PDB file of N, CA and C in Angstrom:
ATOM      1  N   UNK A   1     433.548 140.939 300.000  1.00  0.00           N
ATOM      2  CA  UNK A   1     434.845 141.215 300.577  1.00  0.00           C
ATOM      3  C   UNK A   1     435.600 142.142 299.624  1.00  0.00           C
ATOM      4  N   UNK A   2     436.215 143.158 300.166  1.00  0.00           N
ATOM      5  CA  UNK A   2     436.959 144.118 299.357  1.00  0.00           C
ATOM      6  C   UNK A   2     438.448 143.764 299.339  1.00  0.00           C
ATOM      7  N   UNK A   3     439.179 144.434 298.458  1.00  0.00           N
ATOM      8  CA  UNK A   3     440.630 144.213 298.395  1.00  0.00           C
ATOM      9  C   UNK A   3     441.274 144.573 299.739  1.00  0.00           C
ATOM     10  N   UNK A   4     440.812 145.648 300.360  1.00  0.00           N
ATOM     11  CA  UNK A   4     441.350 146.061 301.656  1.00  0.00           C
ATOM     12  C   UNK A   4     441.117 144.985 302.719  1.00  0.00           C
ATOM     13  N   UNK A   5     439.968 144.333 302.659  1.00  0.00           N
ATOM     14  CA  UNK A   5     439.681 143.252 303.616  1.00  0.00           C
ATOM     15  C   UNK A   5     440.553 142.036 303.351  1.00  0.00           C
ATOM     16  N   UNK A   6     440.848 141.765 302.084  1.00  0.00           N
ATOM     17  CA  UNK A   6     441.749 140.659 301.751  1.00  0.00           C
ATOM     18  C   UNK A   6     443.146 140.958 302.288  1.00  0.00           C
ATOM     19  N   UNK A   7     443.606 142.196 302.094  1.00  0.00           N
ATOM     20  CA  UNK A   7     444.925 142.601 302.602  1.00  0.00           C
ATOM     21  C   UNK A   7     444.980 142.458 304.118  1.00  0.00           C
ATOM     22  N   UNK A   8     443.922 142.880 304.791  1.00  0.00           N
ATOM     23  CA  UNK A   8     443.862 142.775 306.255  1.00  0.00           C
ATOM     24  C   UNK A   8     443.907 141.311 306.696  1.00  0.00           C
ATOM     25  N   UNK A   9     443.181 140.433 305.979  1.00  0.00           N
ATOM     26  CA  UNK A   9     443.164 139.008 306.321  1.00  0.00           C
ATOM     27  C   UNK A   9     444.552 138.388 306.142  1.00  0.00           C
ATOM     28  N   UNK A  10     445.250 138.748 305.060  1.00  0.00           N
ATOM     29  CA  UNK A  10     446.612 138.247 304.835  1.00  0.00           C
ATOM     30  C   UNK A  10     447.518 138.744 305.953  1.00  0.00           C
ATOM     31  N   UNK A  11     447.372 140.009 306.303  1.00  0.00           N
ATOM     32  CA  UNK A  11     448.163 140.616 307.373  1.00  0.00           C
ATOM     33  C   UNK A  11     447.959 139.874 308.693  1.00  0.00           C
ATOM     34  N   UNK A  12     446.712 139.563 309.026  1.00  0.00           N
ATOM     35  CA  UNK A  12     446.410 138.904 310.298  1.00  0.00           C
ATOM     36  C   UNK A  12     446.823 137.439 310.320  1.00  0.00           C
ATOM     37  N   UNK A  13     446.632 136.730 309.194  1.00  0.00           N
ATOM     38  CA  UNK A  13     446.924 135.295 309.175  1.00  0.00           C
ATOM     39  C   UNK A  13     448.404 134.983 309.047  1.00  0.00           C
ATOM     40  N   UNK A  14     449.137 135.791 308.279  1.00  0.00           N
ATOM     41  CA  UNK A  14     450.539 135.487 308.036  1.00  0.00           C
ATOM     42  C   UNK A  14     451.455 136.317 308.926  1.00  0.00           C
ATOM     43  N   UNK A  15     450.999 137.491 309.314  1.00  0.00           N
ATOM     44  CA  UNK A  15     451.796 138.328 310.188  1.00  0.00           C
ATOM     45  C   UNK A  15     452.735 139.276 309.461  1.00  0.00           C
ATOM     46  N   UNK A  16     452.612 139.357 308.139  1.00  0.00           N
ATOM     47  CA  UNK A  16     453.403 140.336 307.394  1.00  0.00           C
ATOM     48  C   UNK A  16     452.894 141.733 307.733  1.00  0.00           C
ATOM     49  N   UNK A  17     453.706 142.741 307.455  1.00  0.00           N
ATOM     50  CA  UNK A  17     453.249 144.115 307.656  1.00  0.00           C
ATOM     51  C   UNK A  17     452.119 144.400 306.671  1.00  0.00           C
ATOM     52  N   UNK A  18     451.348 145.446 306.965  1.00  0.00           N
ATOM     53  CA  UNK A  18     450.250 145.797 306.050  1.00  0.00           C
ATOM     54  C   UNK A  18     450.799 146.148 304.676  1.00  0.00           C
ATOM     55  N   UNK A  19     451.947 146.795 304.637  1.00  0.00           N
ATOM     56  CA  UNK A  19     452.544 147.180 303.359  1.00  0.00           C
ATOM     57  C   UNK A  19     452.940 145.948 302.548  1.00  0.00           C
ATOM     58  N   UNK A  20     453.594 144.971 303.221  1.00  0.00           N
ATOM     59  CA  UNK A  20     453.990 143.737 302.533  1.00  0.00           C
ATOM     60  C   UNK A  20     452.764 142.945 302.083  1.00  0.00           C
ATOM     61  N   UNK A  21     451.756 142.902 302.943  1.00  0.00           N
ATOM     62  CA  UNK A  21     450.521 142.188 302.604  1.00  0.00           C
ATOM     63  C   UNK A  21     449.862 142.827 301.383  1.00  0.00           C
ATOM     64  N   UNK A  22     449.838 144.151 301.332  1.00  0.00           N
ATOM     65  CA  UNK A  22     449.242 144.859 300.205  1.00  0.00           C
ATOM     66  C   UNK A  22     450.021 144.573 298.927  1.00  0.00           C
ATOM     67  N   UNK A  23     451.352 144.543 299.008  1.00  0.00           N
ATOM     68  CA  UNK A  23     452.180 144.258 297.834  1.00  0.00           C
ATOM     69  C   UNK A  23     451.921 142.852 297.309  1.00  0.00           C
ATOM     70  N   UNK A  24     451.788 141.881 298.210  1.00  0.00           N
ATOM     71  CA  UNK A  24     451.541 140.499 297.810  1.00  0.00           C
ATOM     72  C   UNK A  24     450.188 140.386 297.105  1.00  0.00           C
ATOM     73  N   UNK A  25     449.163 140.956 297.706  1.00  0.00           N
ATOM     74  CA  UNK A  25     447.817 140.888 297.123  1.00  0.00           C
ATOM     75  C   UNK A  25     447.807 141.585 295.761  1.00  0.00           C
ATOM     76  N   UNK A  26     448.412 142.766 295.671  1.00  0.00           N
ATOM     77  CA  UNK A  26     448.479 143.490 294.396  1.00  0.00           C
ATOM     78  C   UNK A  26     449.221 142.675 293.339  1.00  0.00           C
ATOM     79  N   UNK A  27     450.320 142.039 293.733  1.00  0.00           N
ATOM     80  CA  UNK A  27     451.112 141.235 292.802  1.00  0.00           C
ATOM     81  C   UNK A  27     450.300 140.053 292.279  1.00  0.00           C
ATOM     82  N   UNK A  28     449.556 139.392 293.148  1.00  0.00           N
ATOM     83  CA  UNK A  28     448.719 138.268 292.724  1.00  0.00           C
ATOM     84  C   UNK A  28     447.657 138.739 291.739  1.00  0.00           C
ATOM     85  N   UNK A  29     446.968 139.839 292.071  1.00  0.00           N
ATOM     86  CA  UNK A  29     445.928 140.345 291.178  1.00  0.00           C
ATOM     87  C   UNK A  29     446.509 140.822 289.850  1.00  0.00           C
ATOM     88  N   UNK A  30     447.653 141.493 289.885  1.00  0.00           N
ATOM     89  CA  UNK A  30     448.283 141.955 288.647  1.00  0.00           C
ATOM     90  C   UNK A  30     448.681 140.784 287.760  1.00  0.00           C
ATOM     91  N   UNK A  31     449.234 139.735 288.373  1.00  0.00           N
ATOM     92  CA  UNK A  31     449.629 138.547 287.620  1.00  0.00           C
ATOM     93  C   UNK A  31     448.415 137.887 286.983  1.00  0.00           C
ATOM     94  N   UNK A  32     447.314 137.784 287.737  1.00  0.00           N
ATOM     95  CA  UNK A  32     446.089 137.207 287.192  1.00  0.00           C
ATOM     96  C   UNK A  32     445.560 138.049 286.038  1.00  0.00           C
ATOM     97  N   UNK A  33     445.547 139.369 286.221  1.00  0.00           N
ATOM     98  CA  UNK A  33     445.043 140.271 285.179  1.00  0.00           C
ATOM     99  C   UNK A  33     445.874 140.152 283.906  1.00  0.00           C
ATOM    100  N   UNK A  34     447.191 140.149 284.028  1.00  0.00           N
ATOM    101  CA  UNK A  34     448.068 140.043 282.856  1.00  0.00           C
ATOM    102  C   UNK A  34     447.861 138.714 282.135  1.00  0.00           C
ATOM    103  N   UNK A  35     447.697 137.646 282.895  1.00  0.00           N
ATOM    104  CA  UNK A  35     447.471 136.327 282.301  1.00  0.00           C
ATOM    105  C   UNK A  35     446.158 136.307 281.523  1.00  0.00           C
ATOM    106  N   UNK A  36     445.104 136.853 282.101  1.00  0.00           N
ATOM    107  CA  UNK A  36     443.798 136.886 281.433  1.00  0.00           C
ATOM    108  C   UNK A  36     443.805 137.813 280.223  1.00  0.00           C
ATOM    109  N   UNK A  37     444.541 138.921 280.301  1.00  0.00           N
ATOM    110  CA  UNK A  37     444.643 139.827 279.143  1.00  0.00           C
ATOM    111  C   UNK A  37     445.272 139.126 277.944  1.00  0.00           C
ATOM    112  N   UNK A  38     446.189 138.194 278.202  1.00  0.00           N
ATOM    113  CA  UNK A  38     446.820 137.424 277.120  1.00  0.00           C
ATOM    114  C   UNK A  38     445.900 136.325 276.606  1.00  0.00           C
ATOM    115  N   UNK A  39     444.735 136.165 277.223  1.00  0.00           N
ATOM    116  CA  UNK A  39     443.776 135.158 276.786  1.00  0.00           C
ATOM    117  C   UNK A  39     444.044 133.780 277.361  1.00  0.00           C
ATOM    118  N   UNK A  40     444.916 133.699 278.347  1.00  0.00           N
ATOM    119  CA  UNK A  40     445.233 132.410 278.958  1.00  0.00           C
ATOM    120  C   UNK A  40     444.267 132.110 280.099  1.00  0.00           C
ATOM    121  N   UNK A  41     444.114 130.831 280.390  1.00  0.00           N
ATOM    122  CA  UNK A  41     443.226 130.368 281.450  1.00  0.00           C
ATOM    123  C   UNK A  41     443.983 130.332 282.778  1.00  0.00           C
ATOM    124  N   UNK A  42     443.273 130.600 283.870  1.00  0.00           N
ATOM    125  CA  UNK A  42     443.849 130.470 285.211  1.00  0.00           C
ATOM    126  C   UNK A  42     443.107 129.345 285.911  1.00  0.00           C
ATOM    127  N   UNK A  43     443.856 128.349 286.369  1.00  0.00           N
ATOM    128  CA  UNK A  43     443.268 127.217 287.088  1.00  0.00           C
ATOM    129  C   UNK A  43     443.862 127.196 288.487  1.00  0.00           C
ATOM    130  N   UNK A  44     443.002 127.373 289.484  1.00  0.00           N
ATOM    131  CA  UNK A  44     443.428 127.347 290.876  1.00  0.00           C
ATOM    132  C   UNK A  44     442.825 126.094 291.501  1.00  0.00           C
ATOM    133  N   UNK A  45     443.680 125.141 291.792  1.00  0.00           N
ATOM    134  CA  UNK A  45     443.244 123.852 292.321  1.00  0.00           C
ATOM    135  C   UNK A  45     442.450 124.050 293.612  1.00  0.00           C
ATOM    136  N   UNK A  46     441.302 123.402 293.696  1.00  0.00           N
ATOM    137  CA  UNK A  46     440.456 123.492 294.866  1.00  0.00           C
ATOM    138  C   UNK A  46     439.600 124.747 294.904  1.00  0.00           C
ATOM    139  N   UNK A  47     439.731 125.611 293.893  1.00  0.00           N
ATOM    140  CA  UNK A  47     438.957 126.852 293.857  1.00  0.00           C
ATOM    141  C   UNK A  47     438.138 126.949 292.579  1.00  0.00           C
ATOM    142  N   UNK A  48     438.822 126.948 291.417  1.00  0.00           N
ATOM    143  CA  UNK A  48     438.089 126.997 290.153  1.00  0.00           C
ATOM    144  C   UNK A  48     438.932 127.518 289.014  1.00  0.00           C
ATOM    145  N   UNK A  49     438.267 127.754 287.875  1.00  0.00           N
ATOM    146  CA  UNK A  49     438.930 128.206 286.658  1.00  0.00           C
ATOM    147  C   UNK A  49     438.384 129.555 286.213  1.00  0.00           C
ATOM    148  N   UNK A  50     439.293 130.444 285.816  1.00  0.00           N
ATOM    149  CA  UNK A  50     438.934 131.706 285.183  1.00  0.00           C
ATOM    150  C   UNK A  50     439.292 131.568 283.713  1.00  0.00           C
ATOM    151  N   UNK A  51     438.335 131.828 282.824  1.00  0.00           N
ATOM    152  CA  UNK A  51     438.559 131.669 281.383  1.00  0.00           C
ATOM    153  C   UNK A  51     438.022 132.897 280.654  1.00  0.00           C
ATOM    154  N   UNK A  52     438.824 133.398 279.687  1.00  0.00           N
ATOM    155  CA  UNK A  52     438.366 134.490 278.833  1.00  0.00           C
ATOM    156  C   UNK A  52     437.747 133.870 277.592  1.00  0.00           C
ATOM    157  N   UNK A  53     436.496 134.250 277.291  1.00  0.00           N
ATOM    158  CA  UNK A  53     435.805 133.734 276.112  1.00  0.00           C
ATOM    159  C   UNK A  53     435.575 134.865 275.129  1.00  0.00           C
ATOM    160  N   UNK A  54     435.622 134.508 273.859  1.00  0.00           N
ATOM    161  CA  UNK A  54     435.331 135.474 272.793  1.00  0.00           C
ATOM    162  C   UNK A  54     433.844 135.355 272.451  1.00  0.00           C
ATOM    163  N   UNK A  55     433.144 136.473 272.453  1.00  0.00           N
ATOM    164  CA  UNK A  55     431.739 136.482 272.046  1.00  0.00           C
ATOM    165  C   UNK A  55     431.642 137.145 270.685  1.00  0.00           C
ATOM    166  N   UNK A  56     430.892 136.528 269.796  1.00  0.00           N
ATOM    167  CA  UNK A  56     430.712 137.062 268.444  1.00  0.00           C
ATOM    168  C   UNK A  56     429.743 138.237 268.471  1.00  0.00           C
ATOM    169  N   UNK A  57     429.811 139.074 267.436  1.00  0.00           N
ATOM    170  CA  UNK A  57     428.791 140.139 267.357  1.00  0.00           C
ATOM    171  C   UNK A  57     427.422 139.514 267.121  1.00  0.00           C
ATOM    172  N   UNK A  58     426.393 140.186 267.604  1.00  0.00           N
ATOM    173  CA  UNK A  58     425.042 139.661 267.419  1.00  0.00           C
ATOM    174  C   UNK A  58     424.051 140.809 267.398  1.00  0.00           C
ATOM    175  N   UNK A  59     422.860 140.481 266.988  1.00  0.00           N
ATOM    176  CA  UNK A  59     421.788 141.476 266.940  1.00  0.00           C
ATOM    177  C   UNK A  59     420.978 141.372 268.228  1.00  0.00           C
ATOM    178  N   UNK A  60     420.771 142.514 268.867  1.00  0.00           N
ATOM    179  CA  UNK A  60     419.954 142.575 270.075  1.00  0.00           C
ATOM    180  C   UNK A  60     418.842 143.584 269.871  1.00  0.00           C
ATOM    181  N   UNK A  61     418.042 143.762 270.887  1.00  0.00           N
ATOM    182  CA  UNK A  61     416.933 144.724 270.793  1.00  0.00           C
ATOM    183  C   UNK A  61     416.983 145.671 271.982  1.00  0.00           C
ATOM    184  N   UNK A  62     416.656 146.933 271.697  1.00  0.00           N
ATOM    185  CA  UNK A  62     416.472 147.902 272.764  1.00  0.00           C
ATOM    186  C   UNK A  62     415.139 147.563 273.421  1.00  0.00           C
ATOM    187  N   UNK A  63     415.117 147.220 274.706  1.00  0.00           N
ATOM    188  CA  UNK A  63     413.866 146.786 275.327  1.00  0.00           C
ATOM    189  C   UNK A  63     412.798 147.884 275.404  1.00  0.00           C
ATOM    190  N   UNK A  64     413.216 149.149 275.367  1.00  0.00           N
ATOM    191  CA  UNK A  64     412.231 150.237 275.453  1.00  0.00           C
ATOM    192  C   UNK A  64     411.568 150.529 274.119  1.00  0.00           C
ATOM    193  N   UNK A  65     412.367 150.455 273.037  1.00  0.00           N
ATOM    194  CA  UNK A  65     411.821 150.828 271.727  1.00  0.00           C
ATOM    195  C   UNK A  65     411.601 149.639 270.806  1.00  0.00           C
ATOM    196  N   UNK A  66     412.230 148.507 271.113  1.00  0.00           N
ATOM    197  CA  UNK A  66     412.127 147.344 270.241  1.00  0.00           C
ATOM    198  C   UNK A  66     413.056 147.444 269.032  1.00  0.00           C
ATOM    199  N   UNK A  67     413.812 148.522 268.940  1.00  0.00           N
ATOM    200  CA  UNK A  67     414.727 148.740 267.816  1.00  0.00           C
ATOM    201  C   UNK A  67     415.882 147.743 267.868  1.00  0.00           C
ATOM    202  N   UNK A  68     416.221 147.178 266.694  1.00  0.00           N
ATOM    203  CA  UNK A  68     417.349 146.251 266.611  1.00  0.00           C
ATOM    204  C   UNK A  68     418.654 147.033 266.640  1.00  0.00           C
ATOM    205  N   UNK A  69     419.602 146.521 267.415  1.00  0.00           N
ATOM    206  CA  UNK A  69     420.932 147.121 267.472  1.00  0.00           C
ATOM    207  C   UNK A  69     421.968 146.010 267.400  1.00  0.00           C
ATOM    208  N   UNK A  70     423.156 146.358 266.914  1.00  0.00           N
ATOM    209  CA  UNK A  70     424.223 145.357 266.857  1.00  0.00           C
ATOM    210  C   UNK A  70     425.024 145.423 268.147  1.00  0.00           C
ATOM    211  N   UNK A  71     425.178 144.278 268.775  1.00  0.00           N
ATOM    212  CA  UNK A  71     426.025 144.161 269.958  1.00  0.00           C
ATOM    213  C   UNK A  71     427.380 143.697 269.451  1.00  0.00           C
ATOM    214  N   UNK A  72     428.403 144.487 269.706  1.00  0.00           N
ATOM    215  CA  UNK A  72     429.724 144.222 269.135  1.00  0.00           C
ATOM    216  C   UNK A  72     430.387 142.994 269.757  1.00  0.00           C
ATOM    217  N   UNK A  73     431.363 142.466 269.040  1.00  0.00           N
ATOM    218  CA  UNK A  73     432.149 141.339 269.556  1.00  0.00           C
ATOM    219  C   UNK A  73     432.926 141.821 270.775  1.00  0.00           C
ATOM    220  N   UNK A  74     433.115 140.925 271.718  1.00  0.00           N
ATOM    221  CA  UNK A  74     433.840 141.302 272.933  1.00  0.00           C
ATOM    222  C   UNK A  74     434.377 140.067 273.623  1.00  0.00           C
ATOM    223  N   UNK A  75     435.248 140.312 274.567  1.00  0.00           N
ATOM    224  CA  UNK A  75     435.796 139.231 275.386  1.00  0.00           C
ATOM    225  C   UNK A  75     435.142 139.312 276.759  1.00  0.00           C
ATOM    226  N   UNK A  76     434.747 138.164 277.290  1.00  0.00           N
ATOM    227  CA  UNK A  76     434.124 138.120 278.610  1.00  0.00           C
ATOM    228  C   UNK A  76     434.884 137.141 279.493  1.00  0.00           C
ATOM    229  N   UNK A  77     434.885 137.435 280.778  1.00  0.00           N
ATOM    230  CA  UNK A  77     435.547 136.578 281.751  1.00  0.00           C
ATOM    231  C   UNK A  77     434.503 135.685 282.407  1.00  0.00           C
ATOM    232  N   UNK A  78     434.784 134.393 282.431  1.00  0.00           N
ATOM    233  CA  UNK A  78     433.879 133.462 283.106  1.00  0.00           C
ATOM    234  C   UNK A  78     434.640 132.753 284.220  1.00  0.00           C
ATOM    235  N   UNK A  79     433.907 132.345 285.230  1.00  0.00           N
ATOM    236  CA  UNK A  79     434.485 131.598 286.344  1.00  0.00           C
ATOM    237  C   UNK A  79     433.669 130.339 286.544  1.00  0.00           C
ATOM    238  N   UNK A  80     434.358 129.210 286.633  1.00  0.00           N
ATOM    239  CA  UNK A  80     433.690 127.943 286.918  1.00  0.00           C
ATOM    240  C   UNK A  80     434.291 127.388 288.204  1.00  0.00           C
ATOM    241  N   UNK A  81     433.493 127.302 289.265  1.00  0.00           N
ATOM    242  CA  UNK A  81     434.029 126.810 290.534  1.00  0.00           C
ATOM    243  C   UNK A  81     434.383 125.332 290.464  1.00  0.00           C
ATOM    244  N   UNK A  82     435.380 124.942 291.258  1.00  0.00           N
ATOM    245  CA  UNK A  82     435.764 123.533 291.324  1.00  0.00           C
ATOM    246  C   UNK A  82     434.736 122.762 292.146  1.00  0.00           C
ATOM    247  N   UNK A  83     434.800 121.459 292.042  1.00  0.00           N
ATOM    248  CA  UNK A  83     433.887 120.614 292.814  1.00  0.00           C
ATOM    249  C   UNK A  83     434.129 120.793 294.307  1.00  0.00           C
ATOM    250  N   UNK A  84     435.382 121.017 294.696  1.00  0.00           N
ATOM    251  CA  UNK A  84     435.727 121.228 296.110  1.00  0.00           C
ATOM    252  C   UNK A  84     435.033 122.487 296.631  1.00  0.00           C
ATOM    253  N   UNK A  85     435.079 123.569 295.859  1.00  0.00           N
ATOM    254  CA  UNK A  85     434.426 124.816 296.277  1.00  0.00           C
ATOM    255  C   UNK A  85     432.909 124.644 296.301  1.00  0.00           C
ATOM    256  N   UNK A  86     432.354 123.979 295.308  1.00  0.00           N
ATOM    257  CA  UNK A  86     430.910 123.732 295.285  1.00  0.00           C
ATOM    258  C   UNK A  86     430.489 122.960 296.530  1.00  0.00           C
ATOM    259  N   UNK A  87     431.261 121.939 296.862  1.00  0.00           N
ATOM    260  CA  UNK A  87     430.927 121.132 298.057  1.00  0.00           C
ATOM    261  C   UNK A  87     431.009 121.955 299.328  1.00  0.00           C
ATOM    262  N   UNK A  88     432.026 122.809 299.429  1.00  0.00           N
ATOM    263  CA  UNK A  88     432.184 123.653 300.610  1.00  0.00           C
ATOM    264  C   UNK A  88     431.017 124.631 300.749  1.00  0.00           C
ATOM    265  N   UNK A  89     430.548 125.159 299.630  1.00  0.00           N
ATOM    266  CA  UNK A  89     429.441 126.113 299.679  1.00  0.00           C
ATOM    267  C   UNK A  89     428.114 125.442 300.033  1.00  0.00           C
ATOM    268  N   UNK A  90     427.962 124.181 299.639  1.00  0.00           N
ATOM    269  CA  UNK A  90     426.700 123.476 299.863  1.00  0.00           C
ATOM    270  C   UNK A  90     426.724 122.554 301.069  1.00  0.00           C
ATOM    271  N   UNK A  91     427.753 122.680 301.899  1.00  0.00           N
ATOM    272  CA  UNK A  91     427.814 121.911 303.139  1.00  0.00           C
ATOM    273  C   UNK A  91     428.088 120.478 302.889  1.00  0.00           C
TER     274      UNK A  91
END
């Protein structure tokens, strides 16, 4: 599902104009992005948790040459679905 499809679904279900629906969806995504950039967790009841994790630098290998390379430290986003979402997906 794309952002445009989400906007269309909000428009159809709530009846807001497409412009208002787009603003709402953008505002939600912007708020989530800003929260995650600060390193805070997002918990959506009945859906799941978004968490930013810090990964340490490590040594990896180039699979073509076998040469060792350093993989730099970075932040990664993880998502853990709630039990409600897991149950819904598995019937």
